[in-house]
Amino acid sequence: MNTFKAMQITEPGRMEMVERPVPEPGHGEILLKVEACGICGADAGAVEGFEKSTTYPRIPGHEVVGRILALGQGVPSYLSPGQRVGVGRLGGYCGECEQCRQGKFVLCTDQPVTGSSCDGGYAEMMLARATGLVIIPDELQAAEAAPLLCAGIATFNALSRSGARPGDTIIVQGIGGLGHLAIQYAQKMGYRVIAVGRGSDIRQDALNLGAHQYIDTLQSDAVAEIKKVGGAQVILTTITDSEAASALVKALAPQGKFLVVGAGSSPLLIMPGAMVGNELKLEGSLTGTPYETERALKFSLLTSVRAQIETAPLAEAEKAYQHMRSGDVKFRMVLTMAL
């Protein structure tokens, strides 16, 4: 094959199918034959031009699973042609900046953002840095593994680092692409899980996913309901509505932690007196390293945590993207490649 097909953002808001020449991997890079790519809400940054640093044309997509086609020079020996690998939001650390020298690879200052500052997985092929690759277990199908490379690792890492102990009360706010995985992980980690959402239509889904209780904020005072069980040790908010997220802080137990994985565009409104008086903690959680992502995949296999997905072929990427943006997907949208 001398060319490959890709859904390209020519300019913000304009997606079109193109053919590009097959590239040669450079030093430290691999060429990936894409099998599946998740469609994430964060793709809007490139697709709709919200990320001003994105240059065009650009191929979006950062939940990518496939097989290695070719290796560039300087690629580690544990990688080989035909191997199943994945690429998440962060496209591979540099290994040289100050953050990398401290082992903080997620915070690397010279790291591409897949599908935004470099081309991503809405395509039959893509280039990727070897340092960003995740080894995909054979037991996971490509389409079901893809969302775990972003929504999965984001919620898994946030919960596993939260400091909560088995039996503690964990609140998951927002029952969408992130939240539906967070509920499963929290339940499998041994926490008492209370899901908080808007509307009764999602109640049964939340309970089926493993929540012990569901609170509909349109019908009940979530803070009052949570305080009835002694407050929450951890609140994991996956929504982008900063006002609604801020309102839930009052439900934390003393020395509780408010964990943010939903990147809203407006400030959180939290009273300093409550933070100080109850020794509360406010913390953001970005994602994880490839090694941490592999641990999340292994945990998902061990405990039968899976993303609930809808799939579409690459040719229908624009329609699938709009379906994701509508909020009607339960719960993740994934593109599949016919190669």
Protein backbone atom coordinates (compact mmCIF):
# COMPACT_ATOMS: atom_id res chain seq x y z
CA MET A 1 0.00 0.00 0.00
CA ASN A 2 1.38 3.38 -1.03
CA THR A 3 -1.50 5.41 0.43
CA PHE A 4 -3.95 5.21 3.30
CA LYS A 5 -7.36 6.72 3.98
CA ALA A 6 -7.99 9.20 6.77
CA MET A 7 -10.72 11.53 7.99
CA GLN A 8 -8.99 14.88 8.04
CA ILE A 9 -10.00 18.18 9.59
CA THR A 10 -9.13 20.59 6.80
CA GLU A 11 -10.23 23.59 8.86
CA PRO A 12 -12.27 23.86 12.07
CA GLY A 13 -15.66 22.24 11.52
CA ARG A 14 -14.81 20.68 8.17
CA MET A 15 -14.11 16.92 8.10
CA GLU A 16 -13.37 15.08 4.86
CA MET A 17 -11.99 11.75 3.67
CA VAL A 18 -8.54 12.02 2.10
CA GLU A 19 -5.79 9.71 0.90
CA ARG A 20 -2.28 10.33 2.12
CA PRO A 21 1.04 8.71 1.23
CA VAL A 22 2.20 6.08 3.72
CA PRO A 23 4.90 7.74 5.88
CA GLU A 24 8.21 6.30 7.02
CA PRO A 25 8.66 6.19 10.79
CA GLY A 26 11.42 8.45 12.05
CA HIS A 27 13.82 7.92 14.93
CA GLY A 28 11.95 6.56 17.95
CA GLU A 29 8.71 6.17 15.97
CA ILE A 30 6.58 3.30 14.71
CA LEU A 31 4.05 3.07 11.90
CA LEU A 32 0.74 1.74 13.19
CA LYS A 33 -1.97 -0.09 11.24
CA VAL A 34 -5.06 1.23 13.01
CA GLU A 35 -7.81 -1.24 13.91
CA ALA A 36 -10.02 1.00 16.06
CA CYS A 37 -10.12 4.55 17.37
CA GLY A 38 -12.45 5.92 20.01
CA ILE A 39 -14.29 9.19 19.53
CA CYS A 40 -13.84 11.30 22.66
CA GLY A 41 -15.37 14.60 23.73
CA ALA A 42 -11.86 16.03 23.82
CA ASP A 43 -11.65 15.54 20.04
CA ALA A 44 -13.74 18.70 19.77
CA GLY A 45 -10.60 20.70 20.49
CA ALA A 46 -9.22 19.82 17.07
CA VAL A 47 -12.44 19.13 15.18
CA GLU A 48 -14.12 22.40 16.11
CA GLY A 49 -11.04 24.56 16.66
CA PHE A 50 -11.32 25.03 20.43
CA GLU A 51 -7.60 24.28 20.86
CA LYS A 52 -5.91 27.30 19.36
CA SER A 53 -2.55 25.51 19.19
CA THR A 54 -3.88 22.97 16.64
CA THR A 55 -2.63 23.46 13.11
CA TYR A 56 -4.51 22.21 10.05
CA PRO A 57 -4.96 19.92 8.25
CA ARG A 58 -5.14 17.54 11.21
CA ILE A 59 -6.30 13.94 11.69
CA PRO A 60 -8.06 13.71 15.10
CA GLY A 61 -8.42 10.75 17.46
CA HIS A 62 -6.49 9.72 20.57
CA GLU A 63 -7.90 6.33 21.62
CA VAL A 64 -6.05 4.29 19.04
CA VAL A 65 -5.50 0.51 18.87
CA GLY A 66 -3.70 -1.35 16.11
CA ARG A 67 -0.66 -3.34 15.08
CA ILE A 68 2.89 -2.23 14.37
CA LEU A 69 3.67 -2.16 10.65
CA ALA A 70 7.19 -0.73 10.70
CA LEU A 71 9.81 0.46 13.18
CA GLY A 72 12.06 3.49 12.98
CA GLN A 73 15.58 3.63 14.31
CA GLY A 74 16.05 3.71 18.07
CA VAL A 75 12.83 1.90 18.94
CA PRO A 76 13.08 -0.34 22.06
CA SER A 77 13.66 -4.05 21.45
CA TYR A 78 10.43 -5.11 23.20
CA LEU A 79 8.48 -3.71 20.22
CA SER A 80 8.20 -5.71 17.01
CA PRO A 81 6.20 -5.76 13.75
CA GLY A 82 2.72 -7.24 14.17
CA GLN A 83 2.57 -6.42 17.87
CA ARG A 84 -0.73 -5.04 19.24
CA VAL A 85 -0.30 -1.59 20.75
CA GLY A 86 -2.34 1.47 21.57
CA VAL A 87 -1.84 5.21 21.80
CA GLY A 88 -3.70 7.52 24.17
CA ARG A 89 -4.12 11.26 24.57
CA LEU A 90 -0.46 11.84 25.38
CA GLY A 91 1.64 10.81 22.42
CA GLY A 92 4.93 9.85 24.07
CA TYR A 93 7.28 11.57 26.51
CA CYS A 94 10.64 13.00 25.45
CA GLY A 95 12.75 11.53 28.28
CA GLU A 96 14.89 14.67 28.48
CA CYS A 97 12.90 17.55 29.99
CA GLU A 98 12.94 18.37 33.70
CA GLN A 99 9.65 16.56 34.37
CA CYS A 100 10.85 13.42 32.58
CA ARG A 101 14.12 13.48 34.52
CA GLN A 102 12.01 13.32 37.69
CA GLY A 103 10.01 10.40 36.30
CA LYS A 104 6.87 12.52 35.85
CA PHE A 105 6.30 11.36 32.27
CA VAL A 106 2.65 12.43 32.13
CA LEU A 107 3.80 16.02 32.73
CA CYS A 108 6.47 15.94 29.99
CA THR A 109 6.81 19.42 28.49
CA ASP A 110 7.82 18.13 25.05
CA GLN A 111 5.07 15.61 24.43
CA PRO A 112 2.71 15.59 21.43
CA VAL A 113 -1.03 15.53 22.07
CA THR A 114 -2.39 12.78 19.84
CA GLY A 115 -4.96 14.03 17.35
CA SER A 116 -4.25 17.65 18.24
CA SER A 117 -0.59 18.64 17.92
CA CYS A 118 0.12 15.50 15.86
CA ASP A 119 -2.08 13.32 13.66
CA GLY A 120 -4.25 10.75 15.38
CA GLY A 121 -6.31 7.65 14.71
CA TYR A 122 -9.26 8.61 12.49
CA ALA A 123 -7.20 6.86 9.84
CA GLU A 124 -6.04 3.51 8.53
CA MET A 125 -2.44 4.28 9.58
CA MET A 126 -0.61 6.67 11.86
CA LEU A 127 2.84 7.44 13.20
CA ALA A 128 3.45 7.26 16.94
CA ARG A 129 6.33 7.79 19.36
CA ALA A 130 7.49 4.52 20.87
CA THR A 131 7.47 6.06 24.37
CA GLY A 132 3.71 6.58 24.09
CA LEU A 133 2.80 3.00 23.21
CA VAL A 134 0.63 0.79 25.39
CA ILE A 135 0.82 -3.01 25.01
CA ILE A 136 -2.71 -4.31 24.35
CA PRO A 137 -3.60 -7.74 25.82
CA ASP A 138 -4.76 -10.33 23.29
CA GLU A 139 -7.95 -10.91 25.30
CA LEU A 140 -9.22 -7.40 24.58
CA GLN A 141 -10.79 -6.64 21.21
CA ALA A 142 -9.55 -3.47 19.56
CA ALA A 143 -12.88 -1.64 19.76
CA GLU A 144 -13.41 -2.41 23.45
CA ALA A 145 -9.81 -1.54 24.35
CA ALA A 146 -9.81 1.86 22.61
CA PRO A 147 -11.88 3.85 25.17
CA LEU A 148 -9.80 2.46 28.02
CA LEU A 149 -6.79 4.36 26.66
CA CYS A 150 -8.40 7.68 27.63
CA ALA A 151 -11.62 7.47 29.64
CA GLY A 152 -10.44 4.24 31.25
CA ILE A 153 -7.01 5.30 32.43
CA ALA A 154 -8.25 8.77 33.47
CA THR A 155 -10.81 7.35 35.90
CA PHE A 156 -8.79 4.29 36.95
CA ASN A 157 -5.76 6.37 37.90
CA ALA A 158 -7.81 9.02 39.65
CA LEU A 159 -9.51 6.40 41.83
CA SER A 160 -6.45 4.27 42.49
CA ARG A 161 -4.48 7.35 43.63
CA SER A 162 -7.36 8.87 45.60
CA GLY A 163 -6.30 7.48 48.96
CA ALA A 164 -9.73 5.93 49.52
CA ARG A 165 -9.92 2.59 51.29
CA PRO A 166 -12.27 -0.33 50.61
CA GLY A 167 -15.66 0.43 52.12
CA ASP A 168 -15.29 4.21 51.74
CA THR A 169 -18.04 6.17 50.03
CA ILE A 170 -17.13 7.36 46.54
CA ILE A 171 -19.30 9.75 44.55
CA VAL A 172 -19.19 9.58 40.75
CA GLN A 173 -20.73 12.72 39.31
CA GLY A 174 -21.81 12.36 35.68
CA ILE A 175 -22.83 9.05 34.10
CA GLY A 176 -21.34 9.44 30.64
CA GLY A 177 -18.26 8.21 28.81
CA LEU A 178 -16.00 8.78 31.82
CA GLY A 179 -18.54 8.19 34.56
CA HIS A 180 -19.80 4.82 33.36
CA LEU A 181 -16.25 3.46 33.61
CA ALA A 182 -15.59 5.22 36.93
CA ILE A 183 -18.62 3.50 38.48
CA GLN A 184 -17.36 0.09 37.40
CA TYR A 185 -13.80 0.68 38.61
CA ALA A 186 -14.94 2.10 41.94
CA GLN A 187 -17.27 -0.83 42.59
CA LYS A 188 -14.58 -3.37 41.68
CA MET A 189 -12.09 -1.58 43.97
CA GLY A 190 -14.41 -2.20 46.91
CA TYR A 191 -15.92 1.24 47.44
CA ARG A 192 -19.51 2.17 48.26
CA VAL A 193 -20.47 3.91 45.02
CA ILE A 194 -23.08 6.65 44.77
CA ALA A 195 -23.73 7.88 41.25
CA VAL A 196 -25.00 11.43 40.85
CA GLY A 197 -26.68 12.47 37.62
CA ARG A 198 -29.40 14.58 36.11
CA GLY A 199 -32.62 12.77 35.23
CA SER A 200 -34.29 9.47 36.04
CA ASP A 201 -33.59 7.93 32.62
CA ILE A 202 -30.02 7.03 33.62
CA ARG A 203 -30.89 5.50 37.01
CA GLN A 204 -31.09 1.86 35.91
CA ASP A 205 -27.93 2.20 33.82
CA ALA A 206 -26.03 3.49 36.84
CA LEU A 207 -27.26 0.65 39.04
CA ASN A 208 -26.51 -1.94 36.36
CA LEU A 209 -22.97 -0.61 36.08
CA GLY A 210 -22.42 -1.24 39.79
CA ALA A 211 -23.55 1.86 41.67
CA HIS A 212 -25.05 1.08 45.06
CA GLN A 213 -27.23 4.19 44.89
CA TYR A 214 -28.28 6.73 42.28
CA ILE A 215 -29.21 10.32 43.08
CA ASP A 216 -31.17 12.32 40.52
CA THR A 217 -30.34 15.99 41.11
CA LEU A 218 -33.59 17.00 39.42
CA GLN A 219 -35.55 15.18 42.12
CA SER A 220 -33.33 15.25 45.23
CA ASP A 221 -30.81 17.39 47.08
CA ALA A 222 -27.65 15.42 46.37
CA VAL A 223 -25.66 16.99 49.20
CA ALA A 224 -28.37 16.19 51.76
CA GLU A 225 -28.70 12.61 50.51
CA ILE A 226 -24.95 12.01 50.66
CA LYS A 227 -24.68 13.50 54.14
CA LYS A 228 -27.27 10.96 55.32
CA VAL A 229 -24.62 8.24 54.87
CA GLY A 230 -21.87 10.30 56.54
CA GLY A 231 -20.55 12.21 53.56
CA ALA A 232 -18.11 11.08 50.90
CA GLN A 233 -14.44 10.36 51.30
CA VAL A 234 -13.93 11.07 47.59
CA ILE A 235 -15.98 12.86 44.96
CA LEU A 236 -14.91 12.15 41.38
CA THR A 237 -16.50 14.68 39.06
CA THR A 238 -16.48 13.81 35.37
CA ILE A 239 -18.68 16.68 34.15
CA THR A 240 -17.69 20.00 32.58
CA ASP A 241 -20.39 22.04 34.35
CA SER A 242 -18.24 23.76 36.95
CA GLU A 243 -21.20 25.25 38.81
CA ALA A 244 -22.86 21.86 39.29
CA ALA A 245 -19.55 20.29 40.25
CA SER A 246 -18.78 22.99 42.81
CA ALA A 247 -22.16 22.54 44.49
CA LEU A 248 -21.29 18.95 45.39
CA VAL A 249 -18.17 19.84 47.42
CA LYS A 250 -20.35 20.33 50.51
CA ALA A 251 -21.03 16.58 50.47
CA LEU A 252 -17.44 15.72 51.36
CA ALA A 253 -16.67 14.26 54.75
CA PRO A 254 -13.89 15.94 56.77
CA GLN A 255 -10.50 15.40 55.08
CA GLY A 256 -12.33 14.30 51.94
CA LYS A 257 -10.95 14.75 48.44
CA PHE A 258 -12.59 16.42 45.44
CA LEU A 259 -11.15 14.86 42.27
CA VAL A 260 -11.57 16.56 38.91
CA VAL A 261 -11.27 14.71 35.59
CA GLY A 262 -13.87 16.73 33.68
CA ALA A 263 -12.12 19.76 32.21
CA GLY A 264 -14.69 22.55 32.28
CA SER A 265 -14.09 25.97 30.78
CA SER A 266 -15.34 28.02 33.75
CA PRO A 267 -13.83 28.31 37.27
CA LEU A 268 -14.80 26.08 40.15
CA LEU A 269 -16.46 28.02 42.98
CA ILE A 270 -15.30 26.60 46.30
CA MET A 271 -15.40 28.40 49.65
CA PRO A 272 -11.92 28.58 51.21
CA GLY A 273 -13.42 28.46 54.71
CA ALA A 274 -14.96 25.06 54.05
CA MET A 275 -11.71 23.80 52.55
CA VAL A 276 -9.70 24.93 55.57
CA GLY A 277 -12.25 24.10 58.25
CA ASN A 278 -12.70 20.51 57.07
CA GLU A 279 -9.17 20.01 55.70
CA LEU A 280 -10.55 19.18 52.28
CA LYS A 281 -8.39 18.47 49.26
CA LEU A 282 -8.95 19.58 45.67
CA GLU A 283 -7.01 17.66 43.03
CA GLY A 284 -6.92 17.32 39.26
CA SER A 285 -6.04 14.07 37.52
CA LEU A 286 -4.84 14.08 33.91
CA THR A 287 -4.24 10.54 32.62
CA GLY A 288 -1.50 7.95 33.06
CA THR A 289 1.76 6.68 31.64
CA PRO A 290 1.76 3.76 29.19
CA TYR A 291 2.80 1.46 32.04
CA GLU A 292 -0.08 2.69 34.22
CA THR A 293 -2.46 2.25 31.30
CA GLU A 294 -1.30 -1.35 30.92
CA ARG A 295 -2.13 -1.88 34.59
CA ALA A 296 -5.59 -0.42 33.99
CA LEU A 297 -6.11 -2.82 31.08
CA LYS A 298 -5.04 -5.79 33.21
CA PHE A 299 -7.38 -4.70 36.01
CA SER A 300 -10.20 -4.32 33.49
CA LEU A 301 -9.65 -7.87 32.27
CA LEU A 302 -9.36 -9.27 35.79
CA THR A 303 -12.56 -7.63 37.02
CA SER A 304 -14.58 -7.61 33.76
CA VAL A 305 -14.72 -3.82 33.50
CA ARG A 306 -15.66 -2.85 29.94
CA ALA A 307 -16.63 0.30 28.12
CA GLN A 308 -20.12 0.14 26.65
CA ILE A 309 -19.66 1.15 23.03
CA GLU A 310 -21.32 1.87 19.73
CA THR A 311 -19.23 1.39 16.58
CA ALA A 312 -19.11 2.94 13.12
CA PRO A 313 -16.81 2.53 10.10
CA LEU A 314 -14.16 5.14 9.32
CA ALA A 315 -16.20 6.43 6.36
CA GLU A 316 -18.95 7.48 8.80
CA ALA A 317 -16.59 9.32 11.16
CA GLU A 318 -18.34 12.69 10.83
CA LYS A 319 -21.77 11.19 11.53
CA ALA A 320 -20.35 9.22 14.45
CA TYR A 321 -18.65 12.33 15.84
CA GLN A 322 -21.91 14.29 15.73
CA HIS A 323 -23.68 11.37 17.43
CA MET A 324 -21.11 11.55 20.24
CA ARG A 325 -21.56 15.32 20.54
CA SER A 326 -25.34 14.92 20.78
CA GLY A 327 -24.96 13.08 24.08
CA ASP A 328 -27.12 10.20 22.87
CA VAL A 329 -24.31 7.60 22.85
CA LYS A 330 -24.30 4.93 25.55
CA PHE A 331 -21.54 5.39 26.39
CA ARG A 332 -18.56 5.59 24.01
CA MET A 333 -18.34 5.83 20.21
CA VAL A 334 -15.60 3.86 18.40
CA LEU A 335 -14.49 3.92 14.77
CA THR A 336 -13.41 0.60 13.25
CA MET A 337 -11.16 0.17 10.23
CA ALA A 338 -11.76 -2.34 7.42
CA LEU A 339 -8.25 -3.21 6.26
